[in-house]
Amino acid sequence: MVGERPYAADAVGVATGCNVVAVAVDPAGVEGLHGGRRTAFARRSPLVRSARSMLDRVLTPEPVPA
């Protein structure tokens, strides 16, 4: 989810029945990804860190109950 507008993360979760994993609000990070800033800045931006955390959560398999 990008930004809290027009709906907040909890409202989106209730409406979709899904957990909202991350909310990214980082105009400078978006600018960095589009080449407006140095690549090193973009890698450290809150947007990219949030995306990395989200992917870690999505791609990490849950343990299978024994």
N, C-alpha and C. Protein backbone atom coordinates (compact mmCIF):
# COMPACT_ATOMS: atom_id res chain seq x y z
N MET A 1 0.86 -1.16 0.00
CA MET A 1 0.00 0.00 0.00
C MET A 1 0.90 1.22 0.00
N VAL A 2 0.60 2.18 -0.82
CA VAL A 2 1.41 3.40 -0.88
C VAL A 2 0.56 4.55 -0.38
N GLY A 3 0.96 5.11 0.75
CA GLY A 3 0.26 6.25 1.34
C GLY A 3 -0.96 5.85 2.14
N GLU A 4 -1.48 6.80 2.88
CA GLU A 4 -2.65 6.60 3.74
C GLU A 4 -3.89 7.27 3.16
N ARG A 5 -3.83 7.65 1.88
CA ARG A 5 -4.97 8.32 1.27
C ARG A 5 -5.43 7.56 0.06
N PRO A 6 -6.64 7.46 -0.23
CA PRO A 6 -7.76 8.04 0.48
C PRO A 6 -8.21 7.21 1.68
N TYR A 7 -7.62 6.01 1.90
CA TYR A 7 -8.06 5.16 3.01
C TYR A 7 -6.88 4.76 3.87
N ALA A 8 -7.10 4.65 5.16
CA ALA A 8 -6.06 4.23 6.10
C ALA A 8 -5.83 2.73 5.98
N ALA A 9 -4.67 2.28 6.42
CA ALA A 9 -4.28 0.87 6.31
C ALA A 9 -5.29 -0.04 7.00
N ASP A 10 -5.77 0.34 8.18
CA ASP A 10 -6.72 -0.53 8.88
C ASP A 10 -8.04 -0.64 8.13
N ALA A 11 -8.48 0.45 7.52
CA ALA A 11 -9.72 0.42 6.73
C ALA A 11 -9.57 -0.48 5.50
N VAL A 12 -8.41 -0.43 4.86
CA VAL A 12 -8.16 -1.29 3.71
C VAL A 12 -8.13 -2.75 4.15
N GLY A 13 -7.52 -3.03 5.29
CA GLY A 13 -7.48 -4.39 5.81
C GLY A 13 -8.86 -4.94 6.10
N VAL A 14 -9.70 -4.13 6.71
CA VAL A 14 -11.07 -4.57 7.01
C VAL A 14 -11.86 -4.79 5.72
N ALA A 15 -11.73 -3.87 4.78
CA ALA A 15 -12.51 -3.97 3.54
C ALA A 15 -12.08 -5.15 2.67
N THR A 16 -10.79 -5.48 2.68
CA THR A 16 -10.30 -6.55 1.82
C THR A 16 -10.17 -7.90 2.52
N GLY A 17 -10.19 -7.86 3.86
CA GLY A 17 -9.98 -9.09 4.61
C GLY A 17 -8.54 -9.55 4.59
N CYS A 18 -7.63 -8.64 4.23
CA CYS A 18 -6.20 -8.96 4.16
C CYS A 18 -5.43 -8.12 5.17
N ASN A 19 -4.31 -8.65 5.60
CA ASN A 19 -3.43 -7.86 6.46
C ASN A 19 -2.63 -6.90 5.59
N VAL A 20 -2.58 -5.65 5.99
CA VAL A 20 -1.74 -4.68 5.30
C VAL A 20 -0.35 -4.85 5.87
N VAL A 21 0.60 -5.21 5.02
CA VAL A 21 1.94 -5.53 5.48
C VAL A 21 2.79 -4.28 5.63
N ALA A 22 2.63 -3.33 4.75
CA ALA A 22 3.46 -2.13 4.78
C ALA A 22 2.73 -0.96 4.14
N VAL A 23 3.04 0.23 4.63
CA VAL A 23 2.52 1.45 4.05
C VAL A 23 3.73 2.33 3.75
N ALA A 24 3.90 2.70 2.51
CA ALA A 24 5.04 3.50 2.10
C ALA A 24 4.61 4.93 1.82
N VAL A 25 5.21 5.87 2.52
CA VAL A 25 4.99 7.29 2.27
C VAL A 25 6.37 7.94 2.22
N ASP A 26 6.89 8.15 1.03
CA ASP A 26 8.26 8.64 0.89
C ASP A 26 8.47 9.28 -0.47
N PRO A 27 8.03 10.53 -0.64
CA PRO A 27 8.21 11.19 -1.94
C PRO A 27 9.67 11.26 -2.38
N ALA A 28 10.60 11.49 -1.45
CA ALA A 28 12.02 11.55 -1.81
C ALA A 28 12.51 10.19 -2.27
N GLY A 29 12.03 9.11 -1.66
CA GLY A 29 12.40 7.77 -2.08
C GLY A 29 11.90 7.46 -3.47
N VAL A 30 10.68 7.89 -3.77
CA VAL A 30 10.13 7.70 -5.11
C VAL A 30 10.98 8.45 -6.12
N GLU A 31 11.36 9.67 -5.78
CA GLU A 31 12.22 10.45 -6.68
C GLU A 31 13.56 9.74 -6.90
N GLY A 32 14.10 9.15 -5.84
CA GLY A 32 15.36 8.41 -5.96
C GLY A 32 15.24 7.21 -6.88
N LEU A 33 14.12 6.51 -6.80
CA LEU A 33 13.91 5.35 -7.66
C LEU A 33 13.74 5.75 -9.12
N HIS A 34 13.29 6.97 -9.36
CA HIS A 34 13.10 7.44 -10.74
C HIS A 34 14.32 8.18 -11.26
N GLY A 35 15.46 8.07 -10.55
CA GLY A 35 16.69 8.65 -11.04
C GLY A 35 16.92 10.09 -10.65
N GLY A 36 16.08 10.65 -9.81
CA GLY A 36 16.25 12.03 -9.41
C GLY A 36 17.28 12.22 -8.30
N ARG A 37 17.71 11.14 -7.68
CA ARG A 37 18.72 11.20 -6.62
C ARG A 37 19.70 10.05 -6.82
N ARG A 38 20.77 10.08 -6.05
CA ARG A 38 21.77 9.02 -6.15
C ARG A 38 21.18 7.66 -5.79
N THR A 39 21.71 6.62 -6.40
CA THR A 39 21.25 5.26 -6.14
C THR A 39 21.44 4.89 -4.68
N ALA A 40 22.55 5.31 -4.07
CA ALA A 40 22.81 4.98 -2.66
C ALA A 40 21.71 5.57 -1.78
N PHE A 41 21.25 6.77 -2.10
CA PHE A 41 20.17 7.37 -1.33
C PHE A 41 18.90 6.55 -1.46
N ALA A 42 18.58 6.14 -2.68
CA ALA A 42 17.36 5.37 -2.90
C ALA A 42 17.38 4.07 -2.11
N ARG A 43 18.54 3.39 -2.05
CA ARG A 43 18.62 2.12 -1.31
C ARG A 43 18.35 2.31 0.18
N ARG A 44 18.68 3.47 0.72
CA ARG A 44 18.48 3.73 2.15
C ARG A 44 17.16 4.43 2.45
N SER A 45 16.39 4.74 1.45
CA SER A 45 15.15 5.49 1.65
C SER A 45 14.12 4.65 2.41
N PRO A 46 13.24 5.29 3.15
CA PRO A 46 12.20 4.54 3.85
C PRO A 46 11.34 3.69 2.91
N LEU A 47 11.10 4.17 1.69
CA LEU A 47 10.30 3.41 0.72
C LEU A 47 10.95 2.08 0.40
N VAL A 48 12.24 2.10 0.08
CA VAL A 48 12.94 0.88 -0.30
C VAL A 48 13.10 -0.04 0.92
N ARG A 49 13.36 0.53 2.09
CA ARG A 49 13.47 -0.31 3.30
C ARG A 49 12.14 -0.97 3.61
N SER A 50 11.03 -0.24 3.43
CA SER A 50 9.70 -0.83 3.65
C SER A 50 9.43 -1.94 2.65
N ALA A 51 9.78 -1.71 1.40
CA ALA A 51 9.57 -2.73 0.37
C ALA A 51 10.40 -3.97 0.69
N ARG A 52 11.64 -3.77 1.15
CA ARG A 52 12.50 -4.90 1.49
C ARG A 52 11.91 -5.69 2.65
N SER A 53 11.41 -5.00 3.67
CA SER A 53 10.79 -5.67 4.81
C SER A 53 9.54 -6.44 4.38
N MET A 54 8.74 -5.82 3.52
CA MET A 54 7.53 -6.47 3.05
C MET A 54 7.88 -7.74 2.27
N LEU A 55 8.86 -7.66 1.38
CA LEU A 55 9.25 -8.83 0.61
C LEU A 55 9.80 -9.93 1.50
N ASP A 56 10.55 -9.55 2.53
CA ASP A 56 11.05 -10.55 3.47
C ASP A 56 9.90 -11.29 4.13
N ARG A 57 8.86 -10.55 4.52
CA ARG A 57 7.71 -11.18 5.17
C ARG A 57 6.92 -12.05 4.21
N VAL A 58 6.76 -11.58 3.00
CA VAL A 58 5.97 -12.32 2.02
C VAL A 58 6.72 -13.57 1.53
N LEU A 59 8.01 -13.45 1.34
CA LEU A 59 8.79 -14.55 0.76
C LEU A 59 9.33 -15.55 1.78
N THR A 60 9.22 -15.23 3.08
CA THR A 60 9.69 -16.16 4.10
C THR A 60 8.60 -17.16 4.39
N PRO A 61 8.86 -18.44 4.11
CA PRO A 61 7.82 -19.44 4.34
C PRO A 61 7.50 -19.58 5.83
N GLU A 62 6.23 -19.78 6.11
CA GLU A 62 5.81 -20.00 7.49
C GLU A 62 6.12 -21.44 7.86
N PRO A 63 6.49 -21.68 9.12
CA PRO A 63 6.77 -23.05 9.53
C PRO A 63 5.53 -23.91 9.43
N VAL A 64 5.73 -25.14 9.01
CA VAL A 64 4.62 -26.09 8.91
C VAL A 64 4.45 -26.78 10.26
N PRO A 65 3.24 -26.74 10.80
CA PRO A 65 3.04 -27.39 12.11
C PRO A 65 3.35 -28.89 12.02
N ALA A 66 3.97 -29.39 13.07
CA ALA A 66 4.35 -30.82 13.10
C ALA A 66 3.17 -31.71 13.38
